[in-house]
């Protein structure tokens, strides 16, 4: 595949949506073909599964893990891989790390969660995973929590550590970024990490984009 796959991970309320929007604007300003997506919910089937998983009634932990894997299998096969094979850049909100941390860790399902997800995706690994890291604080979640967030809220500190530990196992493929700063400061570091990773795979940001702020403003 000739494209580039970057995933954003981190606990609830760390600002992933905002930073994904900033990065997409930055890369589009550089003339790149960008696909922004998420899990669950990146396809029509995923929207239905997201509603069932995150906003429905109680789901047994094993069933929840399998629903995530089903969404992931369809999403990667029908949206992510085609975009990458066409040479585009895919920016995704959550991927296998989230399942390992939430279902494998907070739900107590263990290593099987990662094995199932890798089978579902045919071992598609991101070129770069950005972990937005900050100390968990309840006041950051100034919105109504979905079912998964409510049920895992007490595990936020443990899940934060789990994301950091996964990043530590493969520092060449992860960028841990301090998200407890201003949006602009975080966006600068995100753009720098992605631009550097793009260069490593032979995708260079055009000179015309030099001097742009990460959000695309001259």
C-alpha atoms as a PDB file:
ATOM      1  CA  UNK A   1       0.000   0.000   0.000  1.00  0.00           C
ATOM      2  CA  UNK A   2       1.243   3.458  -0.889  1.00  0.00           C
ATOM      3  CA  UNK A   3      -0.801   5.453   1.618  1.00  0.00           C
ATOM      4  CA  UNK A   4      -0.269   6.418   5.256  1.00  0.00           C
ATOM      5  CA  UNK A   5      -2.321   5.321   8.254  1.00  0.00           C
ATOM      6  CA  UNK A   6      -2.286   7.419  11.452  1.00  0.00           C
ATOM      7  CA  UNK A   7      -4.417   6.628  14.505  1.00  0.00           C
ATOM      8  CA  UNK A   8      -5.269   8.772  17.525  1.00  0.00           C
ATOM      9  CA  UNK A   9      -5.593   7.073  20.913  1.00  0.00           C
ATOM     10  CA  UNK A  10      -5.991   8.178  24.511  1.00  0.00           C
ATOM     11  CA  UNK A  11      -8.482   8.335  27.326  1.00  0.00           C
ATOM     12  CA  UNK A  12     -11.888   9.975  27.190  1.00  0.00           C
ATOM     13  CA  UNK A  13     -11.849  13.768  26.994  1.00  0.00           C
ATOM     14  CA  UNK A  14      -8.219  14.254  25.902  1.00  0.00           C
ATOM     15  CA  UNK A  15      -9.141  16.199  22.757  1.00  0.00           C
ATOM     16  CA  UNK A  16      -8.793  13.621  19.998  1.00  0.00           C
ATOM     17  CA  UNK A  17     -11.593  15.051  17.838  1.00  0.00           C
ATOM     18  CA  UNK A  18     -10.129  18.556  17.945  1.00  0.00           C
ATOM     19  CA  UNK A  19      -6.612  17.395  17.112  1.00  0.00           C
ATOM     20  CA  UNK A  20      -7.823  15.147  14.288  1.00  0.00           C
ATOM     21  CA  UNK A  21      -9.583  18.141  12.732  1.00  0.00           C
ATOM     22  CA  UNK A  22      -6.443  20.272  13.062  1.00  0.00           C
ATOM     23  CA  UNK A  23      -4.235  17.589  11.526  1.00  0.00           C
ATOM     24  CA  UNK A  24      -6.621  17.002   8.624  1.00  0.00           C
ATOM     25  CA  UNK A  25      -6.625  20.724   7.845  1.00  0.00           C
ATOM     26  CA  UNK A  26      -2.828  20.839   8.041  1.00  0.00           C
ATOM     27  CA  UNK A  27      -2.388  17.938   5.624  1.00  0.00           C
ATOM     28  CA  UNK A  28      -5.064  19.103   3.211  1.00  0.00           C
ATOM     29  CA  UNK A  29      -3.295  22.474   3.057  1.00  0.00           C
ATOM     30  CA  UNK A  30      -0.243  20.500   1.957  1.00  0.00           C
ATOM     31  CA  UNK A  31      -2.232  18.994  -0.911  1.00  0.00           C
ATOM     32  CA  UNK A  32      -2.757  15.520   0.559  1.00  0.00           C
ATOM     33  CA  UNK A  33      -5.803  13.306  -0.025  1.00  0.00           C
ATOM     34  CA  UNK A  34      -7.236  12.793   3.458  1.00  0.00           C
ATOM     35  CA  UNK A  35      -9.800  10.350   4.834  1.00  0.00           C
ATOM     36  CA  UNK A  36     -10.974  11.012   8.394  1.00  0.00           C
ATOM     37  CA  UNK A  37     -12.762   8.154  10.098  1.00  0.00           C
ATOM     38  CA  UNK A  38     -13.417   6.549  13.465  1.00  0.00           C
ATOM     39  CA  UNK A  39     -14.136   3.306  15.271  1.00  0.00           C
ATOM     40  CA  UNK A  40     -16.790   2.344  15.869  1.00  0.00           C
ATOM     41  CA  UNK A  41     -18.952   4.196  13.348  1.00  0.00           C
ATOM     42  CA  UNK A  42     -16.796   4.735  10.262  1.00  0.00           C
ATOM     43  CA  UNK A  43     -19.244   3.008   7.913  1.00  0.00           C
ATOM     44  CA  UNK A  44     -23.021   2.678   7.632  1.00  0.00           C
ATOM     45  CA  UNK A  45     -22.813  -0.691   9.389  1.00  0.00           C
ATOM     46  CA  UNK A  46     -20.482   0.853  11.940  1.00  0.00           C
ATOM     47  CA  UNK A  47     -23.011   3.559  12.774  1.00  0.00           C
ATOM     48  CA  UNK A  48     -25.557   0.884  13.645  1.00  0.00           C
ATOM     49  CA  UNK A  49     -23.035  -1.061  15.711  1.00  0.00           C
ATOM     50  CA  UNK A  50     -21.890   2.126  17.462  1.00  0.00           C
ATOM     51  CA  UNK A  51     -25.454   2.856  18.499  1.00  0.00           C
ATOM     52  CA  UNK A  52     -25.865  -0.665  19.853  1.00  0.00           C
ATOM     53  CA  UNK A  53     -22.515  -0.710  21.657  1.00  0.00           C
ATOM     54  CA  UNK A  54     -22.317   2.783  23.078  1.00  0.00           C
ATOM     55  CA  UNK A  55     -25.897   3.952  23.489  1.00  0.00           C
ATOM     56  CA  UNK A  56     -27.950   0.798  23.952  1.00  0.00           C
ATOM     57  CA  UNK A  57     -28.627  -1.365  26.960  1.00  0.00           C
ATOM     58  CA  UNK A  58     -26.023  -3.464  28.750  1.00  0.00           C
ATOM     59  CA  UNK A  59     -23.861  -5.610  26.459  1.00  0.00           C
ATOM     60  CA  UNK A  60     -21.961  -8.590  27.836  1.00  0.00           C
ATOM     61  CA  UNK A  61     -18.194  -7.880  27.709  1.00  0.00           C
ATOM     62  CA  UNK A  62     -17.385 -10.710  25.278  1.00  0.00           C
ATOM     63  CA  UNK A  63     -20.243  -9.698  23.008  1.00  0.00           C
ATOM     64  CA  UNK A  64     -19.033  -6.100  23.158  1.00  0.00           C
ATOM     65  CA  UNK A  65     -15.517  -7.127  22.116  1.00  0.00           C
ATOM     66  CA  UNK A  66     -16.870  -9.173  19.207  1.00  0.00           C
ATOM     67  CA  UNK A  67     -19.091  -6.299  18.040  1.00  0.00           C
ATOM     68  CA  UNK A  68     -16.071  -4.003  18.006  1.00  0.00           C
ATOM     69  CA  UNK A  69     -14.129  -6.622  16.027  1.00  0.00           C
ATOM     70  CA  UNK A  70     -16.980  -7.002  13.526  1.00  0.00           C
ATOM     71  CA  UNK A  71     -17.129  -3.257  13.010  1.00  0.00           C
ATOM     72  CA  UNK A  72     -13.344  -3.139  12.633  1.00  0.00           C
ATOM     73  CA  UNK A  73     -13.215  -5.944  10.074  1.00  0.00           C
ATOM     74  CA  UNK A  74     -15.822  -4.275   7.858  1.00  0.00           C
ATOM     75  CA  UNK A  75     -14.401  -0.790   8.343  1.00  0.00           C
ATOM     76  CA  UNK A  76     -10.836  -1.736   7.430  1.00  0.00           C
ATOM     77  CA  UNK A  77     -11.891  -3.853   4.440  1.00  0.00           C
ATOM     78  CA  UNK A  78     -14.315  -1.364   2.911  1.00  0.00           C
ATOM     79  CA  UNK A  79     -12.964   2.057   3.840  1.00  0.00           C
ATOM     80  CA  UNK A  80      -9.439   2.136   5.250  1.00  0.00           C
ATOM     81  CA  UNK A  81      -7.607  -0.310   2.974  1.00  0.00           C
ATOM     82  CA  UNK A  82      -9.109   1.128  -0.237  1.00  0.00           C
ATOM     83  CA  UNK A  83      -8.063   4.643   0.804  1.00  0.00           C
ATOM     84  CA  UNK A  84      -4.531   3.478   1.618  1.00  0.00           C
ATOM     85  CA  UNK A  85      -4.226   1.487  -1.605  1.00  0.00           C
ATOM     86  CA  UNK A  86      -5.207   4.632  -3.518  1.00  0.00           C
ATOM     87  CA  UNK A  87      -2.286   6.458  -1.875  1.00  0.00           C
ATOM     88  CA  UNK A  88      -4.312   8.532   0.569  1.00  0.00           C
ATOM     89  CA  UNK A  89      -3.700   9.408   4.198  1.00  0.00           C
ATOM     90  CA  UNK A  90      -6.169   7.926   6.674  1.00  0.00           C
ATOM     91  CA  UNK A  91      -6.612   9.671  10.028  1.00  0.00           C
ATOM     92  CA  UNK A  92      -8.558   7.490  12.432  1.00  0.00           C
ATOM     93  CA  UNK A  93     -10.061   8.015  15.872  1.00  0.00           C
ATOM     94  CA  UNK A  94      -9.308   4.825  17.883  1.00  0.00           C
ATOM     95  CA  UNK A  95      -8.187   1.393  16.712  1.00  0.00           C
ATOM     96  CA  UNK A  96      -6.867  -1.850  18.204  1.00  0.00           C
ATOM     97  CA  UNK A  97      -5.126  -0.163  21.158  1.00  0.00           C
ATOM     98  CA  UNK A  98      -8.482   1.062  22.445  1.00  0.00           C
ATOM     99  CA  UNK A  99      -9.951  -2.424  22.347  1.00  0.00           C
ATOM    100  CA  UNK A 100      -6.939  -3.841  24.178  1.00  0.00           C
ATOM    101  CA  UNK A 101      -7.126  -1.122  26.841  1.00  0.00           C
ATOM    102  CA  UNK A 102     -10.915  -0.994  27.248  1.00  0.00           C
ATOM    103  CA  UNK A 103     -12.113  -4.553  26.583  1.00  0.00           C
ATOM    104  CA  UNK A 104      -8.882  -6.400  27.311  1.00  0.00           C
ATOM    105  CA  UNK A 105      -7.983  -4.387  30.398  1.00  0.00           C
ATOM    106  CA  UNK A 106     -10.947  -2.552  31.909  1.00  0.00           C
ATOM    107  CA  UNK A 107     -13.334  -5.385  30.970  1.00  0.00           C
ATOM    108  CA  UNK A 108     -10.871  -8.064  32.037  1.00  0.00           C
ATOM    109  CA  UNK A 109     -10.886 -10.038  28.780  1.00  0.00           C
ATOM    110  CA  UNK A 110      -7.113 -10.218  28.405  1.00  0.00           C
ATOM    111  CA  UNK A 111      -4.931 -10.889  25.372  1.00  0.00           C
ATOM    112  CA  UNK A 112      -7.643 -12.541  23.274  1.00  0.00           C
ATOM    113  CA  UNK A 113      -9.030  -9.112  22.409  1.00  0.00           C
ATOM    114  CA  UNK A 114      -5.896  -8.135  20.496  1.00  0.00           C
ATOM    115  CA  UNK A 115      -5.686 -11.510  18.760  1.00  0.00           C
ATOM    116  CA  UNK A 116      -9.280 -11.220  17.534  1.00  0.00           C
ATOM    117  CA  UNK A 117      -8.744  -7.658  16.316  1.00  0.00           C
ATOM    118  CA  UNK A 118      -5.575  -8.558  14.433  1.00  0.00           C
ATOM    119  CA  UNK A 119      -7.382 -11.428  12.742  1.00  0.00           C
ATOM    120  CA  UNK A 120     -10.303  -9.120  11.862  1.00  0.00           C
ATOM    121  CA  UNK A 121      -7.995  -6.560  10.236  1.00  0.00           C
ATOM    122  CA  UNK A 122      -5.577  -9.010   8.597  1.00  0.00           C
ATOM    123  CA  UNK A 123      -2.852  -7.490  10.777  1.00  0.00           C
ATOM    124  CA  UNK A 124      -3.126  -3.953   9.420  1.00  0.00           C
ATOM    125  CA  UNK A 125      -0.835  -1.841  11.627  1.00  0.00           C
ATOM    126  CA  UNK A 126      -0.816   1.987  11.599  1.00  0.00           C
ATOM    127  CA  UNK A 127       2.328   3.753  10.417  1.00  0.00           C
ATOM    128  CA  UNK A 128       1.943   6.033  13.441  1.00  0.00           C
ATOM    129  CA  UNK A 129      -0.217   5.981  16.564  1.00  0.00           C
ATOM    130  CA  UNK A 130      -0.529   9.261  18.437  1.00  0.00           C
ATOM    131  CA  UNK A 131      -1.356   8.881  22.126  1.00  0.00           C
ATOM    132  CA  UNK A 132      -2.791  12.077  23.561  1.00  0.00           C
ATOM    133  CA  UNK A 133      -1.892  11.845  27.220  1.00  0.00           C
ATOM    134  CA  UNK A 134      -3.095  13.732  30.250  1.00  0.00           C
ATOM    135  CA  UNK A 135      -4.090  12.995  33.816  1.00  0.00           C
ATOM    136  CA  UNK A 136      -7.713  11.816  34.011  1.00  0.00           C
ATOM    137  CA  UNK A 137     -10.053  14.457  35.397  1.00  0.00           C
ATOM    138  CA  UNK A 138     -13.815  14.068  35.640  1.00  0.00           C
ATOM    139  CA  UNK A 139     -14.454  17.732  34.832  1.00  0.00           C
ATOM    140  CA  UNK A 140     -13.042  17.278  31.303  1.00  0.00           C
ATOM    141  CA  UNK A 141     -16.079  15.185  30.386  1.00  0.00           C
ATOM    142  CA  UNK A 142     -18.521  18.087  30.172  1.00  0.00           C
ATOM    143  CA  UNK A 143     -21.002  16.110  28.113  1.00  0.00           C
ATOM    144  CA  UNK A 144     -23.352  13.195  28.624  1.00  0.00           C
ATOM    145  CA  UNK A 145     -21.297  10.016  28.811  1.00  0.00           C
ATOM    146  CA  UNK A 146     -22.073   7.043  26.616  1.00  0.00           C
ATOM    147  CA  UNK A 147     -22.580   3.579  28.097  1.00  0.00           C
ATOM    148  CA  UNK A 148     -18.959   2.489  27.673  1.00  0.00           C
ATOM    149  CA  UNK A 149     -17.614   5.693  29.235  1.00  0.00           C
ATOM    150  CA  UNK A 150     -19.929   5.340  32.218  1.00  0.00           C
ATOM    151  CA  UNK A 151     -18.982   1.717  32.806  1.00  0.00           C
ATOM    152  CA  UNK A 152     -15.223   2.277  32.496  1.00  0.00           C
ATOM    153  CA  UNK A 153     -14.947   5.701  34.189  1.00  0.00           C
ATOM    154  CA  UNK A 154     -13.487   4.205  37.383  1.00  0.00           C
ATOM    155  CA  UNK A 155     -10.633   2.662  35.367  1.00  0.00           C
ATOM    156  CA  UNK A 156      -9.404   5.895  33.734  1.00  0.00           C
ATOM    157  CA  UNK A 157      -6.052   6.018  35.553  1.00  0.00           C
ATOM    158  CA  UNK A 158      -5.337   2.361  34.787  1.00  0.00           C
ATOM    159  CA  UNK A 159      -6.299   2.807  31.137  1.00  0.00           C
ATOM    160  CA  UNK A 160      -4.040   5.845  30.834  1.00  0.00           C
ATOM    161  CA  UNK A 161      -1.128   3.769  32.058  1.00  0.00           C
ATOM    162  CA  UNK A 162      -2.042   0.965  29.660  1.00  0.00           C
ATOM    163  CA  UNK A 163      -1.878   3.323  26.654  1.00  0.00           C
ATOM    164  CA  UNK A 164       1.533   4.545  27.818  1.00  0.00           C
ATOM    165  CA  UNK A 165       2.803   1.008  28.295  1.00  0.00           C
ATOM    166  CA  UNK A 166       1.729   0.002  24.796  1.00  0.00           C
ATOM    167  CA  UNK A 167       3.472   3.055  23.379  1.00  0.00           C
ATOM    168  CA  UNK A 168       6.602   2.154  25.316  1.00  0.00           C
ATOM    169  CA  UNK A 169       6.752  -1.277  23.674  1.00  0.00           C
ATOM    170  CA  UNK A 170       7.238   0.265  20.225  1.00  0.00           C
ATOM    171  CA  UNK A 171       8.379   3.896  20.518  1.00  0.00           C
ATOM    172  CA  UNK A 172       9.269   4.066  16.823  1.00  0.00           C
ATOM    173  CA  UNK A 173       5.597   3.646  15.900  1.00  0.00           C
ATOM    174  CA  UNK A 174       4.024   5.720  18.672  1.00  0.00           C
ATOM    175  CA  UNK A 175       4.156   9.404  19.566  1.00  0.00           C
ATOM    176  CA  UNK A 176       3.056  10.247  23.099  1.00  0.00           C
ATOM    177  CA  UNK A 177       2.003  13.882  23.229  1.00  0.00           C
ATOM    178  CA  UNK A 178       1.193  15.892  26.340  1.00  0.00           C
ATOM    179  CA  UNK A 179      -2.433  16.894  25.834  1.00  0.00           C
ATOM    180  CA  UNK A 180      -2.648  18.971  29.024  1.00  0.00           C
ATOM    181  CA  UNK A 181      -1.615  22.117  27.137  1.00  0.00           C
ATOM    182  CA  UNK A 182      -3.329  24.548  24.814  1.00  0.00           C
ATOM    183  CA  UNK A 183      -4.965  23.209  21.668  1.00  0.00           C
ATOM    184  CA  UNK A 184      -2.446  25.084  19.524  1.00  0.00           C
ATOM    185  CA  UNK A 185       0.568  23.719  21.406  1.00  0.00           C
ATOM    186  CA  UNK A 186      -0.682  20.158  21.061  1.00  0.00           C
ATOM    187  CA  UNK A 187      -1.481  20.671  17.378  1.00  0.00           C
ATOM    188  CA  UNK A 188       2.084  21.815  16.652  1.00  0.00           C
ATOM    189  CA  UNK A 189       3.512  18.635  18.180  1.00  0.00           C
ATOM    190  CA  UNK A 190       0.983  16.410  16.427  1.00  0.00           C
ATOM    191  CA  UNK A 191       1.785  17.926  13.035  1.00  0.00           C
ATOM    192  CA  UNK A 192       5.524  17.592  13.647  1.00  0.00           C
ATOM    193  CA  UNK A 193       5.199  13.919  14.612  1.00  0.00           C
ATOM    194  CA  UNK A 194       3.077  13.108  11.576  1.00  0.00           C
ATOM    195  CA  UNK A 195       5.265  15.052   9.149  1.00  0.00           C
ATOM    196  CA  UNK A 196       8.336  13.205  10.449  1.00  0.00           C
ATOM    197  CA  UNK A 197       6.605   9.834  10.108  1.00  0.00           C
ATOM    198  CA  UNK A 198       5.508  10.705   6.557  1.00  0.00           C
ATOM    199  CA  UNK A 199       9.109  11.438   5.608  1.00  0.00           C
ATOM    200  CA  UNK A 200      10.156   8.023   6.949  1.00  0.00           C
ATOM    201  CA  UNK A 201       7.841   6.272   4.492  1.00  0.00           C
ATOM    202  CA  UNK A 202       8.820   8.538   1.618  1.00  0.00           C
ATOM    203  CA  UNK A 203       5.902  10.975   1.670  1.00  0.00           C
ATOM    204  CA  UNK A 204       7.243  14.506   1.926  1.00  0.00           C
ATOM    205  CA  UNK A 205       5.076  17.506   2.745  1.00  0.00           C
ATOM    206  CA  UNK A 206       5.396  19.865  -0.264  1.00  0.00           C
ATOM    207  CA  UNK A 207       7.541  23.000   0.225  1.00  0.00           C
ATOM    208  CA  UNK A 208       4.457  25.140  -0.425  1.00  0.00           C
ATOM    209  CA  UNK A 209       3.121  23.994   2.936  1.00  0.00           C
ATOM    210  CA  UNK A 210       6.182  25.140   4.853  1.00  0.00           C
ATOM    211  CA  UNK A 211       5.454  27.949   7.259  1.00  0.00           C
ATOM    212  CA  UNK A 212       1.833  26.959   7.694  1.00  0.00           C
ATOM    213  CA  UNK A 213       0.544  26.468  11.177  1.00  0.00           C
ATOM    214  CA  UNK A 214      -0.775  22.933  11.844  1.00  0.00           C
ATOM    215  CA  UNK A 215      -4.344  24.158  11.411  1.00  0.00           C
ATOM    216  CA  UNK A 216      -3.642  25.495   7.928  1.00  0.00           C
ATOM    217  CA  UNK A 217      -3.491  29.240   8.574  1.00  0.00           C
ATOM    218  CA  UNK A 218      -0.576  31.092   6.882  1.00  0.00           C
END
